[in-house]
PDB file of N, CA and C in Angstrom:
ATOM      1  N   UNK A   1      -5.257  -7.695  12.213  1.00  0.00           N
ATOM      2  CA  UNK A   1      -6.363  -6.772  12.066  1.00  0.00           C
ATOM      3  C   UNK A   1      -7.188  -7.205  10.855  1.00  0.00           C
ATOM      4  N   UNK A   2      -8.476  -7.380  11.034  1.00  0.00           N
ATOM      5  CA  UNK A   2      -9.340  -7.833   9.955  1.00  0.00           C
ATOM      6  C   UNK A   2     -10.016  -6.702   9.206  1.00  0.00           C
ATOM      7  N   UNK A   3     -10.265  -5.580   9.883  1.00  0.00           N
ATOM      8  CA  UNK A   3     -10.994  -4.484   9.265  1.00  0.00           C
ATOM      9  C   UNK A   3     -10.061  -3.301   9.081  1.00  0.00           C
ATOM     10  N   UNK A   4     -10.007  -2.799   7.846  1.00  0.00           N
ATOM     11  CA  UNK A   4      -9.230  -1.603   7.544  1.00  0.00           C
ATOM     12  C   UNK A   4     -10.190  -0.429   7.619  1.00  0.00           C
ATOM     13  N   UNK A   5      -9.840   0.590   8.398  1.00  0.00           N
ATOM     14  CA  UNK A   5     -10.661   1.797   8.420  1.00  0.00           C
ATOM     15  C   UNK A   5      -9.750   3.012   8.282  1.00  0.00           C
ATOM     16  N   UNK A   6     -10.347   4.193   8.178  1.00  0.00           N
ATOM     17  CA  UNK A   6      -9.568   5.394   7.888  1.00  0.00           C
ATOM     18  C   UNK A   6      -8.572   5.755   8.984  1.00  0.00           C
ATOM     19  N   UNK A   7      -8.785   5.261  10.201  1.00  0.00           N
ATOM     20  CA  UNK A   7      -7.832   5.575  11.274  1.00  0.00           C
ATOM     21  C   UNK A   7      -6.766   4.495  11.468  1.00  0.00           C
ATOM     22  N   UNK A   8      -6.849   3.415  10.700  1.00  0.00           N
ATOM     23  CA  UNK A   8      -5.818   2.371  10.764  1.00  0.00           C
ATOM     24  C   UNK A   8      -4.483   2.948  10.298  1.00  0.00           C
ATOM     25  N   UNK A   9      -3.404   2.486  10.915  1.00  0.00           N
ATOM     26  CA  UNK A   9      -2.067   2.978  10.557  1.00  0.00           C
ATOM     27  C   UNK A   9      -1.220   1.795  10.093  1.00  0.00           C
ATOM     28  N   UNK A  10      -1.090   1.623   8.780  1.00  0.00           N
ATOM     29  CA  UNK A  10      -0.285   0.518   8.262  1.00  0.00           C
ATOM     30  C   UNK A  10       1.197   0.881   8.199  1.00  0.00           C
ATOM     31  N   UNK A  11       2.036  -0.135   8.308  1.00  0.00           N
ATOM     32  CA  UNK A  11       3.478   0.060   8.113  1.00  0.00           C
ATOM     33  C   UNK A  11       4.005  -1.103   7.270  1.00  0.00           C
ATOM     34  N   UNK A  12       4.997  -0.789   6.463  1.00  0.00           N
ATOM     35  CA  UNK A  12       5.603  -1.823   5.630  1.00  0.00           C
ATOM     36  C   UNK A  12       6.257  -2.872   6.513  1.00  0.00           C
ATOM     37  N   UNK A  13       6.112  -4.112   6.142  1.00  0.00           N
ATOM     38  CA  UNK A  13       6.773  -5.189   6.874  1.00  0.00           C
ATOM     39  C   UNK A  13       8.279  -5.073   6.660  1.00  0.00           C
ATOM     40  N   UNK A  14       9.022  -5.288   7.727  1.00  0.00           N
ATOM     41  CA  UNK A  14      10.487  -5.222   7.630  1.00  0.00           C
ATOM     42  C   UNK A  14      11.057  -6.361   6.783  1.00  0.00           C
ATOM     43  N   UNK A  15      10.277  -7.386   6.564  1.00  0.00           N
ATOM     44  CA  UNK A  15      10.742  -8.535   5.783  1.00  0.00           C
ATOM     45  C   UNK A  15      10.600  -8.314   4.281  1.00  0.00           C
ATOM     46  N   UNK A  16      10.003  -7.195   3.890  1.00  0.00           N
ATOM     47  CA  UNK A  16       9.716  -6.948   2.465  1.00  0.00           C
ATOM     48  C   UNK A  16      10.725  -5.961   1.891  1.00  0.00           C
ATOM     49  N   UNK A  17      11.199  -6.285   0.720  1.00  0.00           N
ATOM     50  CA  UNK A  17      12.104  -5.397  -0.016  1.00  0.00           C
ATOM     51  C   UNK A  17      11.437  -4.986  -1.320  1.00  0.00           C
ATOM     52  N   UNK A  18      11.683  -3.748  -1.721  1.00  0.00           N
ATOM     53  CA  UNK A  18      11.130  -3.209  -2.966  1.00  0.00           C
ATOM     54  C   UNK A  18      12.257  -3.115  -3.977  1.00  0.00           C
ATOM     55  N   UNK A  19      11.999  -3.619  -5.162  1.00  0.00           N
ATOM     56  CA  UNK A  19      12.990  -3.553  -6.240  1.00  0.00           C
ATOM     57  C   UNK A  19      12.325  -3.021  -7.508  1.00  0.00           C
ATOM     58  N   UNK A  20      13.062  -2.158  -8.208  1.00  0.00           N
ATOM     59  CA  UNK A  20      12.603  -1.653  -9.505  1.00  0.00           C
ATOM     60  C   UNK A  20      13.598  -2.106 -10.561  1.00  0.00           C
ATOM     61  N   UNK A  21      13.056  -2.616 -11.651  1.00  0.00           N
ATOM     62  CA  UNK A  21      13.922  -3.044 -12.752  1.00  0.00           C
ATOM     63  C   UNK A  21      13.142  -2.931 -14.045  1.00  0.00           C
ATOM     64  N   UNK A  22      13.754  -2.295 -15.018  1.00  0.00           N
ATOM     65  CA  UNK A  22      13.149  -2.132 -16.337  1.00  0.00           C
ATOM     66  C   UNK A  22      11.764  -1.505 -16.255  1.00  0.00           C
ATOM     67  N   UNK A  23      11.597  -0.533 -15.352  1.00  0.00           N
ATOM     68  CA  UNK A  23      10.330   0.172 -15.219  1.00  0.00           C
ATOM     69  C   UNK A  23       9.271  -0.570 -14.428  1.00  0.00           C
ATOM     70  N   UNK A  24       9.567  -1.766 -13.953  1.00  0.00           N
ATOM     71  CA  UNK A  24       8.607  -2.553 -13.178  1.00  0.00           C
ATOM     72  C   UNK A  24       9.010  -2.539 -11.704  1.00  0.00           C
ATOM     73  N   UNK A  25       8.015  -2.636 -10.839  1.00  0.00           N
ATOM     74  CA  UNK A  25       8.266  -2.673  -9.400  1.00  0.00           C
ATOM     75  C   UNK A  25       7.854  -4.024  -8.849  1.00  0.00           C
ATOM     76  N   UNK A  26       8.696  -4.555  -7.983  1.00  0.00           N
ATOM     77  CA  UNK A  26       8.438  -5.850  -7.378  1.00  0.00           C
ATOM     78  C   UNK A  26       8.646  -5.726  -5.868  1.00  0.00           C
ATOM     79  N   UNK A  27       7.754  -6.352  -5.116  1.00  0.00           N
ATOM     80  CA  UNK A  27       7.932  -6.486  -3.677  1.00  0.00           C
ATOM     81  C   UNK A  27       8.359  -7.922  -3.419  1.00  0.00           C
ATOM     82  N   UNK A  28       9.376  -8.069  -2.580  1.00  0.00           N
ATOM     83  CA  UNK A  28       9.936  -9.394  -2.321  1.00  0.00           C
ATOM     84  C   UNK A  28       9.858  -9.662  -0.819  1.00  0.00           C
ATOM     85  N   UNK A  29       9.208 -10.756  -0.477  1.00  0.00           N
ATOM     86  CA  UNK A  29       9.082 -11.171   0.912  1.00  0.00           C
ATOM     87  C   UNK A  29       9.486 -12.629   1.004  1.00  0.00           C
ATOM     88  N   UNK A  30      10.635 -12.856   1.642  1.00  0.00           N
ATOM     89  CA  UNK A  30      11.210 -14.195   1.716  1.00  0.00           C
ATOM     90  C   UNK A  30      11.360 -14.724   0.290  1.00  0.00           C
ATOM     91  N   UNK A  31      10.718 -15.797  -0.082  1.00  0.00           N
ATOM     92  CA  UNK A  31      10.827 -16.326  -1.442  1.00  0.00           C
ATOM     93  C   UNK A  31       9.602 -16.023  -2.287  1.00  0.00           C
ATOM     94  N   UNK A  32       8.804 -15.040  -1.866  1.00  0.00           N
ATOM     95  CA  UNK A  32       7.610 -14.651  -2.621  1.00  0.00           C
ATOM     96  C   UNK A  32       7.878 -13.339  -3.345  1.00  0.00           C
ATOM     97  N   UNK A  33       7.472 -13.274  -4.587  1.00  0.00           N
ATOM     98  CA  UNK A  33       7.683 -12.105  -5.429  1.00  0.00           C
ATOM     99  C   UNK A  33       6.327 -11.579  -5.889  1.00  0.00           C
ATOM    100  N   UNK A  34       6.128 -10.265  -5.754  1.00  0.00           N
ATOM    101  CA  UNK A  34       4.862  -9.633  -6.112  1.00  0.00           C
ATOM    102  C   UNK A  34       5.126  -8.489  -7.081  1.00  0.00           C
ATOM    103  N   UNK A  35       4.637  -8.603  -8.299  1.00  0.00           N
ATOM    104  CA  UNK A  35       4.689  -7.495  -9.241  1.00  0.00           C
ATOM    105  C   UNK A  35       3.575  -6.535  -8.865  1.00  0.00           C
ATOM    106  N   UNK A  36       3.882  -5.262  -8.725  1.00  0.00           N
ATOM    107  CA  UNK A  36       2.866  -4.280  -8.357  1.00  0.00           C
ATOM    108  C   UNK A  36       2.811  -3.171  -9.399  1.00  0.00           C
ATOM    109  N   UNK A  37       1.606  -2.677  -9.617  1.00  0.00           N
ATOM    110  CA  UNK A  37       1.458  -1.555 -10.542  1.00  0.00           C
ATOM    111  C   UNK A  37       1.830  -0.255  -9.832  1.00  0.00           C
ATOM    112  N   UNK A  38       1.831   0.837 -10.561  1.00  0.00           N
ATOM    113  CA  UNK A  38       2.313   2.104 -10.005  1.00  0.00           C
ATOM    114  C   UNK A  38       1.451   2.587  -8.840  1.00  0.00           C
ATOM    115  N   UNK A  39       0.140   2.375  -8.887  1.00  0.00           N
ATOM    116  CA  UNK A  39      -0.715   2.809  -7.786  1.00  0.00           C
ATOM    117  C   UNK A  39      -0.469   1.963  -6.537  1.00  0.00           C
ATOM    118  N   UNK A  40      -0.345   0.668  -6.709  1.00  0.00           N
ATOM    119  CA  UNK A  40      -0.036  -0.203  -5.568  1.00  0.00           C
ATOM    120  C   UNK A  40       1.299   0.198  -4.949  1.00  0.00           C
ATOM    121  N   UNK A  41       2.259   0.565  -5.773  1.00  0.00           N
ATOM    122  CA  UNK A  41       3.568   0.992  -5.277  1.00  0.00           C
ATOM    123  C   UNK A  41       3.445   2.268  -4.452  1.00  0.00           C
ATOM    124  N   UNK A  42       2.655   3.222  -4.910  1.00  0.00           N
ATOM    125  CA  UNK A  42       2.437   4.464  -4.159  1.00  0.00           C
ATOM    126  C   UNK A  42       1.825   4.153  -2.802  1.00  0.00           C
ATOM    127  N   UNK A  43       0.823   3.272  -2.782  1.00  0.00           N
ATOM    128  CA  UNK A  43       0.162   2.909  -1.528  1.00  0.00           C
ATOM    129  C   UNK A  43       1.153   2.208  -0.605  1.00  0.00           C
ATOM    130  N   UNK A  44       1.903   1.241  -1.130  1.00  0.00           N
ATOM    131  CA  UNK A  44       2.835   0.495  -0.288  1.00  0.00           C
ATOM    132  C   UNK A  44       3.896   1.422   0.326  1.00  0.00           C
ATOM    133  N   UNK A  45       4.428   2.321  -0.480  1.00  0.00           N
ATOM    134  CA  UNK A  45       5.453   3.239   0.029  1.00  0.00           C
ATOM    135  C   UNK A  45       4.884   4.192   1.081  1.00  0.00           C
ATOM    136  N   UNK A  46       3.586   4.480   1.009  1.00  0.00           N
ATOM    137  CA  UNK A  46       2.954   5.387   1.973  1.00  0.00           C
ATOM    138  C   UNK A  46       2.728   4.725   3.333  1.00  0.00           C
ATOM    139  N   UNK A  47       2.887   3.427   3.404  1.00  0.00           N
ATOM    140  CA  UNK A  47       2.690   2.691   4.670  1.00  0.00           C
ATOM    141  C   UNK A  47       3.924   2.868   5.542  1.00  0.00           C
ATOM    142  N   UNK A  48       4.011   4.032   6.167  1.00  0.00           N
ATOM    143  CA  UNK A  48       5.214   4.403   6.914  1.00  0.00           C
ATOM    144  C   UNK A  48       5.099   4.194   8.422  1.00  0.00           C
ATOM    145  N   UNK A  49       3.956   3.685   8.892  1.00  0.00           N
ATOM    146  CA  UNK A  49       3.766   3.489  10.319  1.00  0.00           C
ATOM    147  C   UNK A  49       3.382   4.754  11.049  1.00  0.00           C
ATOM    148  N   UNK A  50       3.219   5.849  10.316  1.00  0.00           N
ATOM    149  CA  UNK A  50       2.824   7.135  10.890  1.00  0.00           C
ATOM    150  C   UNK A  50       1.503   7.603  10.282  1.00  0.00           C
ATOM    151  N   UNK A  51       1.399   7.506   8.972  1.00  0.00           N
ATOM    152  CA  UNK A  51       0.211   7.979   8.251  1.00  0.00           C
ATOM    153  C   UNK A  51      -0.937   6.990   8.390  1.00  0.00           C
ATOM    154  N   UNK A  52      -2.131   7.523   8.663  1.00  0.00           N
ATOM    155  CA  UNK A  52      -3.298   6.650   8.728  1.00  0.00           C
ATOM    156  C   UNK A  52      -3.901   6.481   7.328  1.00  0.00           C
ATOM    157  N   UNK A  53      -4.830   5.568   7.205  1.00  0.00           N
ATOM    158  CA  UNK A  53      -5.432   5.253   5.907  1.00  0.00           C
ATOM    159  C   UNK A  53      -6.118   6.477   5.312  1.00  0.00           C
ATOM    160  N   UNK A  54      -6.732   7.305   6.152  1.00  0.00           N
ATOM    161  CA  UNK A  54      -7.370   8.524   5.658  1.00  0.00           C
ATOM    162  C   UNK A  54      -6.368   9.462   5.001  1.00  0.00           C
ATOM    163  N   UNK A  55      -5.206   9.642   5.621  1.00  0.00           N
ATOM    164  CA  UNK A  55      -4.152  10.497   5.051  1.00  0.00           C
ATOM    165  C   UNK A  55      -3.594   9.903   3.769  1.00  0.00           C
ATOM    166  N   UNK A  56      -3.368   8.610   3.786  1.00  0.00           N
ATOM    167  CA  UNK A  56      -2.861   7.936   2.583  1.00  0.00           C
ATOM    168  C   UNK A  56      -3.852   8.094   1.451  1.00  0.00           C
ATOM    169  N   UNK A  57      -5.134   7.904   1.748  1.00  0.00           N
ATOM    170  CA  UNK A  57      -6.179   8.049   0.731  1.00  0.00           C
ATOM    171  C   UNK A  57      -6.186   9.461   0.157  1.00  0.00           C
ATOM    172  N   UNK A  58      -6.135  10.460   1.024  1.00  0.00           N
ATOM    173  CA  UNK A  58      -6.133  11.846   0.550  1.00  0.00           C
ATOM    174  C   UNK A  58      -4.916  12.122  -0.337  1.00  0.00           C
ATOM    175  N   UNK A  59      -3.746  11.669   0.089  1.00  0.00           N
ATOM    176  CA  UNK A  59      -2.533  11.888  -0.701  1.00  0.00           C
ATOM    177  C   UNK A  59      -2.594  11.173  -2.047  1.00  0.00           C
ATOM    178  N   UNK A  60      -3.140   9.968  -2.070  1.00  0.00           N
ATOM    179  CA  UNK A  60      -3.305   9.239  -3.335  1.00  0.00           C
ATOM    180  C   UNK A  60      -4.258  10.003  -4.247  1.00  0.00           C
ATOM    181  N   UNK A  61      -5.365  10.484  -3.697  1.00  0.00           N
ATOM    182  CA  UNK A  61      -6.340  11.230  -4.500  1.00  0.00           C
ATOM    183  C   UNK A  61      -5.697  12.460  -5.131  1.00  0.00           C
ATOM    184  N   UNK A  62      -4.909  13.190  -4.353  1.00  0.00           N
ATOM    185  CA  UNK A  62      -4.283  14.410  -4.845  1.00  0.00           C
ATOM    186  C   UNK A  62      -3.168  14.101  -5.841  1.00  0.00           C
ATOM    187  N   UNK A  63      -2.257  13.209  -5.482  1.00  0.00           N
ATOM    188  CA  UNK A  63      -1.093  12.962  -6.339  1.00  0.00           C
ATOM    189  C   UNK A  63      -1.438  12.188  -7.601  1.00  0.00           C
ATOM    190  N   UNK A  64      -2.497  11.374  -7.543  1.00  0.00           N
ATOM    191  CA  UNK A  64      -2.866  10.571  -8.703  1.00  0.00           C
ATOM    192  C   UNK A  64      -4.049  11.176  -9.457  1.00  0.00           C
ATOM    193  N   UNK A  65      -4.516  12.348  -9.016  1.00  0.00           N
ATOM    194  CA  UNK A  65      -5.642  13.054  -9.640  1.00  0.00           C
ATOM    195  C   UNK A  65      -6.865  12.141  -9.751  1.00  0.00           C
ATOM    196  N   UNK A  66      -7.256  11.579  -8.607  1.00  0.00           N
ATOM    197  CA  UNK A  66      -8.389  10.655  -8.536  1.00  0.00           C
ATOM    198  C   UNK A  66      -9.456  11.235  -7.622  1.00  0.00           C
ATOM    199  N   UNK A  67     -10.724  10.924  -7.879  1.00  0.00           N
ATOM    200  CA  UNK A  67     -11.755  11.294  -6.902  1.00  0.00           C
ATOM    201  C   UNK A  67     -11.477  10.601  -5.568  1.00  0.00           C
ATOM    202  N   UNK A  68     -11.779  11.264  -4.477  1.00  0.00           N
ATOM    203  CA  UNK A  68     -11.490  10.742  -3.137  1.00  0.00           C
ATOM    204  C   UNK A  68     -12.110   9.353  -2.914  1.00  0.00           C
ATOM    205  N   UNK A  69     -13.333   9.162  -3.372  1.00  0.00           N
ATOM    206  CA  UNK A  69     -13.999   7.861  -3.188  1.00  0.00           C
ATOM    207  C   UNK A  69     -13.289   6.738  -3.916  1.00  0.00           C
ATOM    208  N   UNK A  70     -12.846   7.014  -5.136  1.00  0.00           N
ATOM    209  CA  UNK A  70     -12.113   6.009  -5.911  1.00  0.00           C
ATOM    210  C   UNK A  70     -10.763   5.716  -5.265  1.00  0.00           C
ATOM    211  N   UNK A  71     -10.113   6.761  -4.783  1.00  0.00           N
ATOM    212  CA  UNK A  71      -8.829   6.581  -4.104  1.00  0.00           C
ATOM    213  C   UNK A  71      -9.017   5.733  -2.844  1.00  0.00           C
ATOM    214  N   UNK A  72     -10.074   5.999  -2.083  1.00  0.00           N
ATOM    215  CA  UNK A  72     -10.332   5.229  -0.859  1.00  0.00           C
ATOM    216  C   UNK A  72     -10.549   3.759  -1.180  1.00  0.00           C
ATOM    217  N   UNK A  73     -11.337   3.486  -2.215  1.00  0.00           N
ATOM    218  CA  UNK A  73     -11.596   2.091  -2.597  1.00  0.00           C
ATOM    219  C   UNK A  73     -10.304   1.397  -3.001  1.00  0.00           C
ATOM    220  N   UNK A  74      -9.465   2.085  -3.774  1.00  0.00           N
ATOM    221  CA  UNK A  74      -8.195   1.495  -4.227  1.00  0.00           C
ATOM    222  C   UNK A  74      -7.249   1.265  -3.054  1.00  0.00           C
ATOM    223  N   UNK A  75      -7.103   2.257  -2.186  1.00  0.00           N
ATOM    224  CA  UNK A  75      -6.199   2.140  -1.046  1.00  0.00           C
ATOM    225  C   UNK A  75      -6.629   0.993  -0.142  1.00  0.00           C
ATOM    226  N   UNK A  76      -7.901   0.933   0.183  1.00  0.00           N
ATOM    227  CA  UNK A  76      -8.396  -0.128   1.066  1.00  0.00           C
ATOM    228  C   UNK A  76      -8.229  -1.498   0.415  1.00  0.00           C
ATOM    229  N   UNK A  77      -8.488  -1.593  -0.884  1.00  0.00           N
ATOM    230  CA  UNK A  77      -8.318  -2.881  -1.575  1.00  0.00           C
ATOM    231  C   UNK A  77      -6.855  -3.316  -1.564  1.00  0.00           C
ATOM    232  N   UNK A  78      -5.947  -2.402  -1.882  1.00  0.00           N
ATOM    233  CA  UNK A  78      -4.519  -2.754  -1.865  1.00  0.00           C
ATOM    234  C   UNK A  78      -4.059  -3.126  -0.461  1.00  0.00           C
ATOM    235  N   UNK A  79      -4.490  -2.373   0.542  1.00  0.00           N
ATOM    236  CA  UNK A  79      -4.081  -2.676   1.909  1.00  0.00           C
ATOM    237  C   UNK A  79      -4.589  -4.042   2.361  1.00  0.00           C
ATOM    238  N   UNK A  80      -5.792  -4.398   1.940  1.00  0.00           N
ATOM    239  CA  UNK A  80      -6.322  -5.717   2.290  1.00  0.00           C
ATOM    240  C   UNK A  80      -5.463  -6.818   1.678  1.00  0.00           C
ATOM    241  N   UNK A  81      -5.058  -6.625   0.434  1.00  0.00           N
ATOM    242  CA  UNK A  81      -4.185  -7.604  -0.236  1.00  0.00           C
ATOM    243  C   UNK A  81      -2.825  -7.634   0.452  1.00  0.00           C
ATOM    244  N   UNK A  82      -2.260  -6.460   0.702  1.00  0.00           N
ATOM    245  CA  UNK A  82      -0.949  -6.392   1.353  1.00  0.00           C
ATOM    246  C   UNK A  82      -0.981  -7.080   2.717  1.00  0.00           C
ATOM    247  N   UNK A  83      -2.048  -6.856   3.477  1.00  0.00           N
ATOM    248  CA  UNK A  83      -2.161  -7.472   4.800  1.00  0.00           C
ATOM    249  C   UNK A  83      -2.286  -8.986   4.683  1.00  0.00           C
ATOM    250  N   UNK A  84      -3.072  -9.458   3.745  1.00  0.00           N
ATOM    251  CA  UNK A  84      -3.243 -10.899   3.540  1.00  0.00           C
ATOM    252  C   UNK A  84      -1.913 -11.561   3.203  1.00  0.00           C
ATOM    253  N   UNK A  85      -1.085 -10.873   2.446  1.00  0.00           N
ATOM    254  CA  UNK A  85       0.210 -11.404   2.036  1.00  0.00           C
ATOM    255  C   UNK A  85       1.339 -11.045   3.005  1.00  0.00           C
ATOM    256  N   UNK A  86       1.006 -10.429   4.131  1.00  0.00           N
ATOM    257  CA  UNK A  86       1.979 -10.010   5.155  1.00  0.00           C
ATOM    258  C   UNK A  86       3.014  -9.018   4.634  1.00  0.00           C
ATOM    259  N   UNK A  87       2.586  -8.159   3.714  1.00  0.00           N
ATOM    260  CA  UNK A  87       3.468  -7.118   3.182  1.00  0.00           C
ATOM    261  C   UNK A  87       3.387  -5.850   4.039  1.00  0.00           C
ATOM    262  N   UNK A  88       2.278  -5.692   4.759  1.00  0.00           N
ATOM    263  CA  UNK A  88       2.124  -4.597   5.705  1.00  0.00           C
ATOM    264  C   UNK A  88       1.690  -5.175   7.037  1.00  0.00           C
ATOM    265  N   UNK A  89       1.924  -4.379   8.073  1.00  0.00           N
ATOM    266  CA  UNK A  89       1.537  -4.748   9.428  1.00  0.00           C
ATOM    267  C   UNK A  89       0.741  -3.586  10.007  1.00  0.00           C
ATOM    268  N   UNK A  90       0.054  -3.834  11.116  1.00  0.00           N
ATOM    269  CA  UNK A  90      -0.776  -2.801  11.750  1.00  0.00           C
ATOM    270  C   UNK A  90      -0.273  -2.525  13.146  1.00  0.00           C
TER     271      UNK A  90
END
């Protein structure tokens, strides 16, 4: 999928593992390691294969106390990166 929109439904790739150590979060896919910040971690964990991008955006806005537009931009940007790196699937 090339275009992320509010009705897209992302799910975490089964090949990716999440690890937390010393307050840092890392996503591990095969031999690739990705350090993620707390917002990226919230977005990645929300990719449950049920919630659409609109729902994820709304939940990020509420839980992170962000304006909806800023949350949408962040969610879409993270999802684009995650998709490029095969961390999420559609």
